[in-house]
Amino acid sequence: MKTIIHNESKLSKYIFEDSDSITMEADKIITPKFIIGDLNASNSTLIEFVEPPEDWDGNKYTFENDTWTLNVVP
């Protein structure tokens, strides 16, 4: 699997299959099914070959140093 994380918060925003083609551009990210307009090559990172938690959902987990951490909102 692949995940796109927001660089500042480390939140995992999206998950994709390894075979999905993701294009990180200066002003957007292009995925097979949609365009992400609020993330781009300068504020996010594509990390490949990850195994997300079974209950993964966008913004539910951070991903840093190969570790998934539940996002606990105070």
N, C-alpha and C. Protein backbone atom coordinates (compact mmCIF):
# COMPACT_ATOMS: atom_id res chain seq x y z
N MET A 1 0.84 -1.17 0.00
CA MET A 1 0.00 0.00 0.00
C MET A 1 0.89 1.24 0.00
N LYS A 2 0.25 2.38 -0.33
CA LYS A 2 0.91 3.68 -0.31
C LYS A 2 0.05 4.62 0.54
N THR A 3 0.70 5.55 1.21
CA THR A 3 -0.05 6.58 1.94
C THR A 3 0.51 7.95 1.60
N ILE A 4 -0.35 8.92 1.60
CA ILE A 4 0.07 10.31 1.47
C ILE A 4 -0.07 10.93 2.84
N ILE A 5 1.02 11.48 3.36
CA ILE A 5 0.97 12.12 4.66
C ILE A 5 1.19 13.62 4.50
N HIS A 6 0.55 14.38 5.37
CA HIS A 6 0.76 15.82 5.45
C HIS A 6 2.06 16.03 6.22
N ASN A 7 3.01 16.75 5.66
CA ASN A 7 4.34 16.88 6.26
C ASN A 7 4.32 17.46 7.66
N GLU A 8 3.54 18.49 7.89
CA GLU A 8 3.56 19.16 9.19
C GLU A 8 2.91 18.32 10.28
N SER A 9 1.73 17.80 10.00
CA SER A 9 0.98 17.06 11.03
C SER A 9 1.33 15.58 11.08
N LYS A 10 1.92 15.06 10.00
CA LYS A 10 2.23 13.62 9.85
C LYS A 10 0.98 12.76 9.74
N LEU A 11 -0.20 13.40 9.56
CA LEU A 11 -1.43 12.64 9.40
C LEU A 11 -1.46 11.91 8.07
N SER A 12 -1.87 10.66 8.11
CA SER A 12 -2.05 9.88 6.89
C SER A 12 -3.40 10.28 6.30
N LYS A 13 -3.36 10.90 5.13
CA LYS A 13 -4.56 11.46 4.53
C LYS A 13 -5.27 10.48 3.60
N TYR A 14 -4.49 9.72 2.83
CA TYR A 14 -5.05 8.81 1.82
C TYR A 14 -4.23 7.53 1.79
N ILE A 15 -4.90 6.46 1.37
CA ILE A 15 -4.26 5.15 1.15
C ILE A 15 -4.57 4.71 -0.27
N PHE A 16 -3.57 4.14 -0.93
CA PHE A 16 -3.74 3.62 -2.29
C PHE A 16 -3.06 2.26 -2.41
N GLU A 17 -3.47 1.53 -3.41
CA GLU A 17 -2.82 0.26 -3.72
C GLU A 17 -1.42 0.53 -4.27
N ASP A 18 -0.51 -0.43 -4.10
CA ASP A 18 0.85 -0.28 -4.63
C ASP A 18 0.85 -0.04 -6.14
N SER A 19 -0.11 -0.61 -6.83
CA SER A 19 -0.15 -0.51 -8.28
C SER A 19 -0.72 0.83 -8.78
N ASP A 20 -1.32 1.63 -7.89
CA ASP A 20 -1.89 2.91 -8.29
C ASP A 20 -0.79 3.92 -8.61
N SER A 21 -0.96 4.64 -9.70
CA SER A 21 -0.01 5.68 -10.09
C SER A 21 -0.41 7.00 -9.44
N ILE A 22 0.50 7.55 -8.65
CA ILE A 22 0.26 8.82 -7.95
C ILE A 22 1.29 9.82 -8.46
N THR A 23 0.84 11.00 -8.87
CA THR A 23 1.74 12.04 -9.37
C THR A 23 1.69 13.24 -8.44
N MET A 24 2.83 13.52 -7.82
CA MET A 24 2.95 14.66 -6.92
C MET A 24 3.41 15.85 -7.74
N GLU A 25 2.58 16.90 -7.80
CA GLU A 25 2.92 18.10 -8.55
C GLU A 25 3.05 19.29 -7.61
N ALA A 26 3.51 20.41 -8.13
CA ALA A 26 3.74 21.61 -7.33
C ALA A 26 2.45 22.16 -6.72
N ASP A 27 1.31 21.94 -7.39
CA ASP A 27 0.06 22.53 -6.91
C ASP A 27 -1.06 21.53 -6.64
N LYS A 28 -0.76 20.24 -6.83
CA LYS A 28 -1.80 19.21 -6.61
C LYS A 28 -1.18 17.82 -6.64
N ILE A 29 -2.01 16.83 -6.30
CA ILE A 29 -1.62 15.43 -6.41
C ILE A 29 -2.66 14.75 -7.29
N ILE A 30 -2.20 14.04 -8.30
CA ILE A 30 -3.10 13.35 -9.22
C ILE A 30 -3.12 11.87 -8.88
N THR A 31 -4.32 11.34 -8.65
CA THR A 31 -4.51 9.92 -8.34
C THR A 31 -5.33 9.31 -9.47
N PRO A 32 -5.47 7.99 -9.50
CA PRO A 32 -6.26 7.37 -10.57
C PRO A 32 -7.73 7.79 -10.61
N LYS A 33 -8.29 8.18 -9.47
CA LYS A 33 -9.72 8.47 -9.44
C LYS A 33 -10.08 9.92 -9.14
N PHE A 34 -9.14 10.70 -8.63
CA PHE A 34 -9.45 12.08 -8.28
C PHE A 34 -8.16 12.90 -8.15
N ILE A 35 -8.33 14.21 -8.07
CA ILE A 35 -7.21 15.14 -7.88
C ILE A 35 -7.33 15.72 -6.48
N ILE A 36 -6.22 15.75 -5.77
CA ILE A 36 -6.19 16.31 -4.42
C ILE A 36 -5.65 17.74 -4.55
N GLY A 37 -6.49 18.73 -4.27
CA GLY A 37 -6.12 20.11 -4.48
C GLY A 37 -5.47 20.79 -3.29
N ASP A 38 -5.65 20.24 -2.08
CA ASP A 38 -5.10 20.90 -0.90
C ASP A 38 -3.75 20.33 -0.47
N LEU A 39 -3.30 19.27 -1.13
CA LEU A 39 -1.97 18.71 -0.87
C LEU A 39 -1.16 18.77 -2.16
N ASN A 40 0.16 18.82 -2.00
CA ASN A 40 1.03 18.90 -3.17
C ASN A 40 2.43 18.41 -2.81
N ALA A 41 3.35 18.52 -3.74
CA ALA A 41 4.70 17.99 -3.55
C ALA A 41 5.48 18.71 -2.46
N SER A 42 5.09 19.93 -2.10
CA SER A 42 5.84 20.67 -1.08
C SER A 42 5.27 20.51 0.33
N ASN A 43 3.99 20.13 0.46
CA ASN A 43 3.43 20.01 1.80
C ASN A 43 3.03 18.59 2.20
N SER A 44 3.37 17.62 1.35
CA SER A 44 3.02 16.24 1.65
C SER A 44 4.07 15.29 1.09
N THR A 45 4.00 14.04 1.54
CA THR A 45 4.95 13.02 1.13
C THR A 45 4.20 11.74 0.79
N LEU A 46 4.60 11.10 -0.28
CA LEU A 46 4.06 9.79 -0.65
C LEU A 46 5.01 8.73 -0.11
N ILE A 47 4.48 7.83 0.70
CA ILE A 47 5.28 6.75 1.28
C ILE A 47 4.73 5.44 0.75
N GLU A 48 5.62 4.66 0.16
CA GLU A 48 5.21 3.40 -0.46
C GLU A 48 5.55 2.20 0.42
N PHE A 49 4.89 1.10 0.12
CA PHE A 49 5.14 -0.19 0.78
C PHE A 49 4.89 -0.13 2.28
N VAL A 50 3.72 0.39 2.64
CA VAL A 50 3.31 0.45 4.04
C VAL A 50 2.15 -0.52 4.25
N GLU A 51 1.95 -0.91 5.49
CA GLU A 51 0.82 -1.77 5.85
C GLU A 51 -0.01 -1.00 6.88
N PRO A 52 -1.08 -0.36 6.42
CA PRO A 52 -1.89 0.45 7.34
C PRO A 52 -2.65 -0.42 8.35
N PRO A 53 -3.02 0.17 9.48
CA PRO A 53 -3.86 -0.56 10.44
C PRO A 53 -5.18 -0.97 9.78
N GLU A 54 -5.77 -2.05 10.26
CA GLU A 54 -7.02 -2.55 9.68
C GLU A 54 -8.15 -1.52 9.76
N ASP A 55 -8.14 -0.69 10.79
CA ASP A 55 -9.21 0.29 10.95
C ASP A 55 -8.79 1.67 10.44
N TRP A 56 -7.82 1.70 9.53
CA TRP A 56 -7.33 2.97 8.99
C TRP A 56 -8.49 3.79 8.42
N ASP A 57 -8.41 5.08 8.64
CA ASP A 57 -9.31 6.05 8.02
C ASP A 57 -8.52 7.34 7.90
N GLY A 58 -8.82 8.17 6.93
CA GLY A 58 -8.10 9.42 6.74
C GLY A 58 -8.09 10.27 8.00
N ASN A 59 -6.91 10.72 8.39
CA ASN A 59 -6.67 11.55 9.58
C ASN A 59 -6.78 10.79 10.90
N LYS A 60 -7.04 9.50 10.86
CA LYS A 60 -7.15 8.73 12.11
C LYS A 60 -5.78 8.37 12.67
N TYR A 61 -4.79 8.25 11.78
CA TYR A 61 -3.44 7.86 12.20
C TYR A 61 -2.39 8.81 11.64
N THR A 62 -1.32 8.96 12.41
CA THR A 62 -0.12 9.61 11.89
C THR A 62 0.82 8.49 11.46
N PHE A 63 1.74 8.84 10.57
CA PHE A 63 2.75 7.88 10.14
C PHE A 63 4.09 8.60 10.13
N GLU A 64 5.00 8.13 10.98
CA GLU A 64 6.31 8.75 11.10
C GLU A 64 7.32 7.69 11.52
N ASN A 65 8.48 7.70 10.87
CA ASN A 65 9.55 6.73 11.19
C ASN A 65 9.04 5.30 11.13
N ASP A 66 8.25 4.99 10.09
CA ASP A 66 7.70 3.65 9.87
C ASP A 66 6.75 3.19 10.96
N THR A 67 6.15 4.13 11.69
CA THR A 67 5.26 3.77 12.79
C THR A 67 3.91 4.47 12.65
N TRP A 68 2.85 3.69 12.76
CA TRP A 68 1.49 4.22 12.78
C TRP A 68 1.12 4.55 14.22
N THR A 69 0.55 5.74 14.45
CA THR A 69 0.13 6.16 15.77
C THR A 69 -1.28 6.72 15.69
N LEU A 70 -2.15 6.23 16.57
CA LEU A 70 -3.52 6.73 16.61
C LEU A 70 -3.52 8.21 16.91
N ASN A 71 -4.25 8.98 16.13
CA ASN A 71 -4.35 10.43 16.31
C ASN A 71 -5.35 10.71 17.41
N VAL A 72 -4.86 11.11 18.55
CA VAL A 72 -5.73 11.41 19.69
C VAL A 72 -5.97 12.90 19.73
N VAL A 73 -7.20 13.30 19.54
CA VAL A 73 -7.57 14.72 19.54
C VAL A 73 -8.00 15.09 20.95
N PRO A 74 -7.35 16.12 21.54
CA PRO A 74 -7.71 16.50 22.92
C PRO A 74 -9.10 17.07 23.02
